[in-house]
Amino acid sequence: YEFNPDNFINVIVKILPEQFVVILMDRGKSFHFEKQRSYDAVQAAEQKRTGGFGLYIIERSMDKVEYESDTKWGNRLTMIKYRP
């Protein structure tokens, strides 16, 4: 983010009997998660908008998605896929 080599992204992957969990953490700029959740892919394509499509794909692929952000710890995106 912002092409700064000092910035980092932590990735935690947990493979459990009942679920697969991926947690991404960074200290980048936060965003309005609930606003992005209302992303309309058809409308975005018609308007040739960029941005927001990644979260749309994540939400369509995963069973549960949570986002947290605070000034002390940064951003945390948790994605869960339940195993059959």
N, C-alpha and C. Protein backbone atom coordinates (compact mmCIF):
# COMPACT_ATOMS: atom_id res chain seq x y z
N TYR A 1 0.82 -1.17 0.00
CA TYR A 1 0.00 0.00 0.00
C TYR A 1 0.87 1.24 0.00
N GLU A 2 0.55 2.08 -0.96
CA GLU A 2 1.30 3.29 -1.27
C GLU A 2 2.75 2.99 -1.63
N PHE A 3 3.03 1.78 -2.06
CA PHE A 3 4.34 1.37 -2.57
C PHE A 3 5.49 1.61 -1.60
N ASN A 4 5.21 1.63 -0.31
CA ASN A 4 6.23 1.81 0.72
C ASN A 4 6.76 0.44 1.13
N PRO A 5 8.04 0.16 0.91
CA PRO A 5 8.58 -1.17 1.24
C PRO A 5 8.60 -1.45 2.75
N ASP A 6 8.43 -0.42 3.58
CA ASP A 6 8.40 -0.63 5.03
C ASP A 6 7.04 -1.11 5.51
N ASN A 7 6.02 -0.95 4.69
CA ASN A 7 4.69 -1.43 5.06
C ASN A 7 4.62 -2.93 4.86
N PHE A 8 3.76 -3.58 5.62
CA PHE A 8 3.65 -5.03 5.52
C PHE A 8 2.20 -5.47 5.68
N ILE A 9 1.95 -6.68 5.24
CA ILE A 9 0.64 -7.31 5.40
C ILE A 9 0.89 -8.66 6.07
N ASN A 10 0.25 -8.87 7.20
CA ASN A 10 0.32 -10.17 7.88
C ASN A 10 -0.79 -11.06 7.35
N VAL A 11 -0.46 -12.29 7.06
CA VAL A 11 -1.44 -13.27 6.58
C VAL A 11 -1.41 -14.47 7.52
N ILE A 12 -2.56 -14.80 8.07
CA ILE A 12 -2.70 -15.97 8.93
C ILE A 12 -3.69 -16.91 8.27
N VAL A 13 -3.31 -18.16 8.12
CA VAL A 13 -4.19 -19.17 7.53
C VAL A 13 -4.38 -20.28 8.56
N LYS A 14 -5.63 -20.60 8.82
CA LYS A 14 -5.95 -21.69 9.75
C LYS A 14 -6.80 -22.72 9.00
N ILE A 15 -6.34 -23.94 9.00
CA ILE A 15 -7.11 -25.02 8.39
C ILE A 15 -7.59 -25.91 9.54
N LEU A 16 -8.86 -25.81 9.81
CA LEU A 16 -9.47 -26.54 10.92
C LEU A 16 -10.42 -27.59 10.36
N PRO A 17 -10.79 -28.58 11.16
CA PRO A 17 -11.69 -29.62 10.65
C PRO A 17 -13.01 -29.06 10.11
N GLU A 18 -13.52 -28.01 10.73
CA GLU A 18 -14.83 -27.51 10.34
C GLU A 18 -14.79 -26.24 9.48
N GLN A 19 -13.61 -25.62 9.38
CA GLN A 19 -13.56 -24.37 8.61
C GLN A 19 -12.14 -24.03 8.17
N PHE A 20 -12.09 -23.19 7.15
CA PHE A 20 -10.84 -22.65 6.61
C PHE A 20 -10.89 -21.15 6.87
N VAL A 21 -9.87 -20.61 7.54
CA VAL A 21 -9.88 -19.20 7.93
C VAL A 21 -8.64 -18.50 7.37
N VAL A 22 -8.86 -17.33 6.78
CA VAL A 22 -7.76 -16.49 6.32
C VAL A 22 -7.94 -15.12 6.99
N ILE A 23 -6.88 -14.64 7.64
CA ILE A 23 -6.91 -13.34 8.29
C ILE A 23 -5.81 -12.48 7.68
N LEU A 24 -6.20 -11.30 7.20
CA LEU A 24 -5.25 -10.33 6.64
C LEU A 24 -5.20 -9.13 7.57
N MET A 25 -3.99 -8.70 7.92
CA MET A 25 -3.84 -7.53 8.80
C MET A 25 -2.81 -6.58 8.20
N ASP A 26 -3.13 -5.29 8.24
CA ASP A 26 -2.20 -4.27 7.78
C ASP A 26 -2.43 -2.97 8.52
N ARG A 27 -1.59 -2.00 8.26
CA ARG A 27 -1.71 -0.69 8.89
C ARG A 27 -2.05 0.37 7.83
N GLY A 28 -2.65 -0.06 6.73
CA GLY A 28 -3.03 0.86 5.67
C GLY A 28 -4.26 1.67 6.03
N LYS A 29 -4.73 2.45 5.08
CA LYS A 29 -5.92 3.27 5.30
C LYS A 29 -7.13 2.36 5.48
N SER A 30 -7.98 2.73 6.42
CA SER A 30 -9.22 1.97 6.61
C SER A 30 -10.23 2.38 5.53
N PHE A 31 -11.30 1.61 5.44
CA PHE A 31 -12.34 1.94 4.46
C PHE A 31 -13.70 1.63 5.06
N HIS A 32 -14.75 2.12 4.40
CA HIS A 32 -16.12 1.91 4.88
C HIS A 32 -16.61 0.55 4.41
N PHE A 33 -16.42 -0.44 5.25
CA PHE A 33 -16.72 -1.83 4.90
C PHE A 33 -18.19 -2.02 4.52
N GLU A 34 -19.10 -1.50 5.32
CA GLU A 34 -20.53 -1.68 5.03
C GLU A 34 -20.92 -1.01 3.72
N LYS A 35 -20.32 0.11 3.39
CA LYS A 35 -20.60 0.78 2.12
C LYS A 35 -20.13 -0.08 0.95
N GLN A 36 -18.96 -0.68 1.09
CA GLN A 36 -18.42 -1.53 0.03
C GLN A 36 -19.25 -2.81 -0.13
N ARG A 37 -19.89 -3.27 0.94
CA ARG A 37 -20.69 -4.49 0.88
C ARG A 37 -21.87 -4.34 -0.08
N SER A 38 -22.33 -3.14 -0.28
CA SER A 38 -23.49 -2.93 -1.15
C SER A 38 -23.07 -2.79 -2.62
N TYR A 39 -21.90 -3.25 -2.94
CA TYR A 39 -21.34 -3.16 -4.29
C TYR A 39 -22.24 -3.88 -5.29
N ASP A 40 -22.58 -3.20 -6.36
CA ASP A 40 -23.41 -3.76 -7.42
C ASP A 40 -22.50 -3.96 -8.65
N ALA A 41 -22.13 -5.20 -8.91
CA ALA A 41 -21.18 -5.51 -9.99
C ALA A 41 -21.72 -5.08 -11.36
N VAL A 42 -22.99 -5.28 -11.60
CA VAL A 42 -23.57 -4.91 -12.90
C VAL A 42 -23.51 -3.39 -13.09
N GLN A 43 -23.92 -2.66 -12.05
CA GLN A 43 -23.88 -1.21 -12.13
C GLN A 43 -22.44 -0.70 -12.29
N ALA A 44 -21.52 -1.29 -11.56
CA ALA A 44 -20.11 -0.89 -11.66
C ALA A 44 -19.57 -1.11 -13.07
N ALA A 45 -19.93 -2.23 -13.68
CA ALA A 45 -19.48 -2.52 -15.04
C ALA A 45 -20.08 -1.52 -16.04
N GLU A 46 -21.36 -1.21 -15.87
CA GLU A 46 -22.01 -0.25 -16.76
C GLU A 46 -21.36 1.12 -16.66
N GLN A 47 -20.96 1.50 -15.44
CA GLN A 47 -20.36 2.82 -15.22
C GLN A 47 -18.83 2.79 -15.37
N LYS A 48 -18.31 1.61 -15.70
CA LYS A 48 -16.87 1.42 -15.88
C LYS A 48 -16.07 1.89 -14.66
N ARG A 49 -16.63 1.59 -13.47
CA ARG A 49 -15.95 1.93 -12.22
C ARG A 49 -14.89 0.89 -11.91
N THR A 50 -13.87 1.32 -11.21
CA THR A 50 -12.85 0.40 -10.71
C THR A 50 -12.88 0.46 -9.19
N GLY A 51 -12.40 -0.59 -8.56
CA GLY A 51 -12.37 -0.64 -7.10
C GLY A 51 -13.62 -1.28 -6.54
N GLY A 52 -13.43 -2.02 -5.45
CA GLY A 52 -14.55 -2.65 -4.77
C GLY A 52 -14.87 -4.05 -5.25
N PHE A 53 -14.35 -4.44 -6.40
CA PHE A 53 -14.69 -5.75 -6.95
C PHE A 53 -14.06 -6.89 -6.15
N GLY A 54 -12.90 -6.65 -5.55
CA GLY A 54 -12.24 -7.68 -4.75
C GLY A 54 -13.09 -8.12 -3.57
N LEU A 55 -13.66 -7.16 -2.85
CA LEU A 55 -14.52 -7.49 -1.72
C LEU A 55 -15.77 -8.21 -2.20
N TYR A 56 -16.29 -7.82 -3.35
CA TYR A 56 -17.46 -8.49 -3.93
C TYR A 56 -17.14 -9.97 -4.17
N ILE A 57 -15.98 -10.25 -4.75
CA ILE A 57 -15.57 -11.64 -5.01
C ILE A 57 -15.40 -12.40 -3.70
N ILE A 58 -14.76 -11.77 -2.72
CA ILE A 58 -14.57 -12.41 -1.41
C ILE A 58 -15.91 -12.77 -0.79
N GLU A 59 -16.84 -11.83 -0.79
CA GLU A 59 -18.14 -12.08 -0.16
C GLU A 59 -18.93 -13.17 -0.89
N ARG A 60 -18.75 -13.27 -2.19
CA ARG A 60 -19.44 -14.32 -2.95
C ARG A 60 -18.81 -15.68 -2.73
N SER A 61 -17.52 -15.71 -2.37
CA SER A 61 -16.78 -16.96 -2.23
C SER A 61 -16.77 -17.51 -0.80
N MET A 62 -16.80 -16.64 0.17
CA MET A 62 -16.66 -17.05 1.57
C MET A 62 -18.02 -17.11 2.26
N ASP A 63 -18.07 -17.85 3.37
CA ASP A 63 -19.31 -17.95 4.13
C ASP A 63 -19.47 -16.80 5.13
N LYS A 64 -18.36 -16.28 5.62
CA LYS A 64 -18.41 -15.21 6.61
C LYS A 64 -17.23 -14.28 6.37
N VAL A 65 -17.49 -12.97 6.38
CA VAL A 65 -16.44 -11.97 6.20
C VAL A 65 -16.63 -10.89 7.26
N GLU A 66 -15.56 -10.60 7.99
CA GLU A 66 -15.61 -9.57 9.02
C GLU A 66 -14.44 -8.61 8.82
N TYR A 67 -14.70 -7.32 9.07
CA TYR A 67 -13.66 -6.31 8.95
C TYR A 67 -13.64 -5.47 10.22
N GLU A 68 -12.44 -5.25 10.74
CA GLU A 68 -12.25 -4.41 11.92
C GLU A 68 -11.12 -3.44 11.62
N SER A 69 -11.24 -2.24 12.17
CA SER A 69 -10.17 -1.26 12.01
C SER A 69 -10.10 -0.39 13.26
N ASP A 70 -8.90 -0.18 13.75
CA ASP A 70 -8.71 0.80 14.82
C ASP A 70 -7.35 1.46 14.66
N THR A 71 -7.20 2.62 15.27
CA THR A 71 -5.99 3.40 15.07
C THR A 71 -4.76 2.75 15.68
N LYS A 72 -4.93 1.94 16.70
CA LYS A 72 -3.78 1.31 17.36
C LYS A 72 -3.28 0.08 16.61
N TRP A 73 -4.19 -0.81 16.20
CA TRP A 73 -3.79 -2.10 15.63
C TRP A 73 -3.91 -2.17 14.11
N GLY A 74 -4.61 -1.25 13.50
CA GLY A 74 -4.74 -1.27 12.05
C GLY A 74 -5.98 -2.00 11.58
N ASN A 75 -5.91 -2.57 10.39
CA ASN A 75 -7.05 -3.24 9.74
C ASN A 75 -6.91 -4.75 9.87
N ARG A 76 -8.06 -5.40 10.01
CA ARG A 76 -8.08 -6.87 10.09
C ARG A 76 -9.28 -7.36 9.29
N LEU A 77 -9.02 -8.15 8.26
CA LEU A 77 -10.07 -8.76 7.45
C LEU A 77 -10.03 -10.26 7.70
N THR A 78 -11.13 -10.79 8.21
CA THR A 78 -11.23 -12.22 8.51
C THR A 78 -12.22 -12.85 7.55
N MET A 79 -11.77 -13.91 6.87
CA MET A 79 -12.61 -14.61 5.89
C MET A 79 -12.71 -16.07 6.31
N ILE A 80 -13.94 -16.57 6.37
CA ILE A 80 -14.17 -17.95 6.81
C ILE A 80 -14.97 -18.70 5.76
N LYS A 81 -14.51 -19.89 5.46
CA LYS A 81 -15.23 -20.81 4.57
C LYS A 81 -15.45 -22.10 5.36
N TYR A 82 -16.72 -22.44 5.56
CA TYR A 82 -17.04 -23.67 6.30
C TYR A 82 -16.83 -24.87 5.40
N ARG A 83 -16.27 -25.91 5.98
CA ARG A 83 -16.01 -27.13 5.22
C ARG A 83 -17.23 -28.04 5.27
N PRO A 84 -17.50 -28.75 4.17
CA PRO A 84 -18.67 -29.64 4.15
C PRO A 84 -18.47 -30.85 5.06
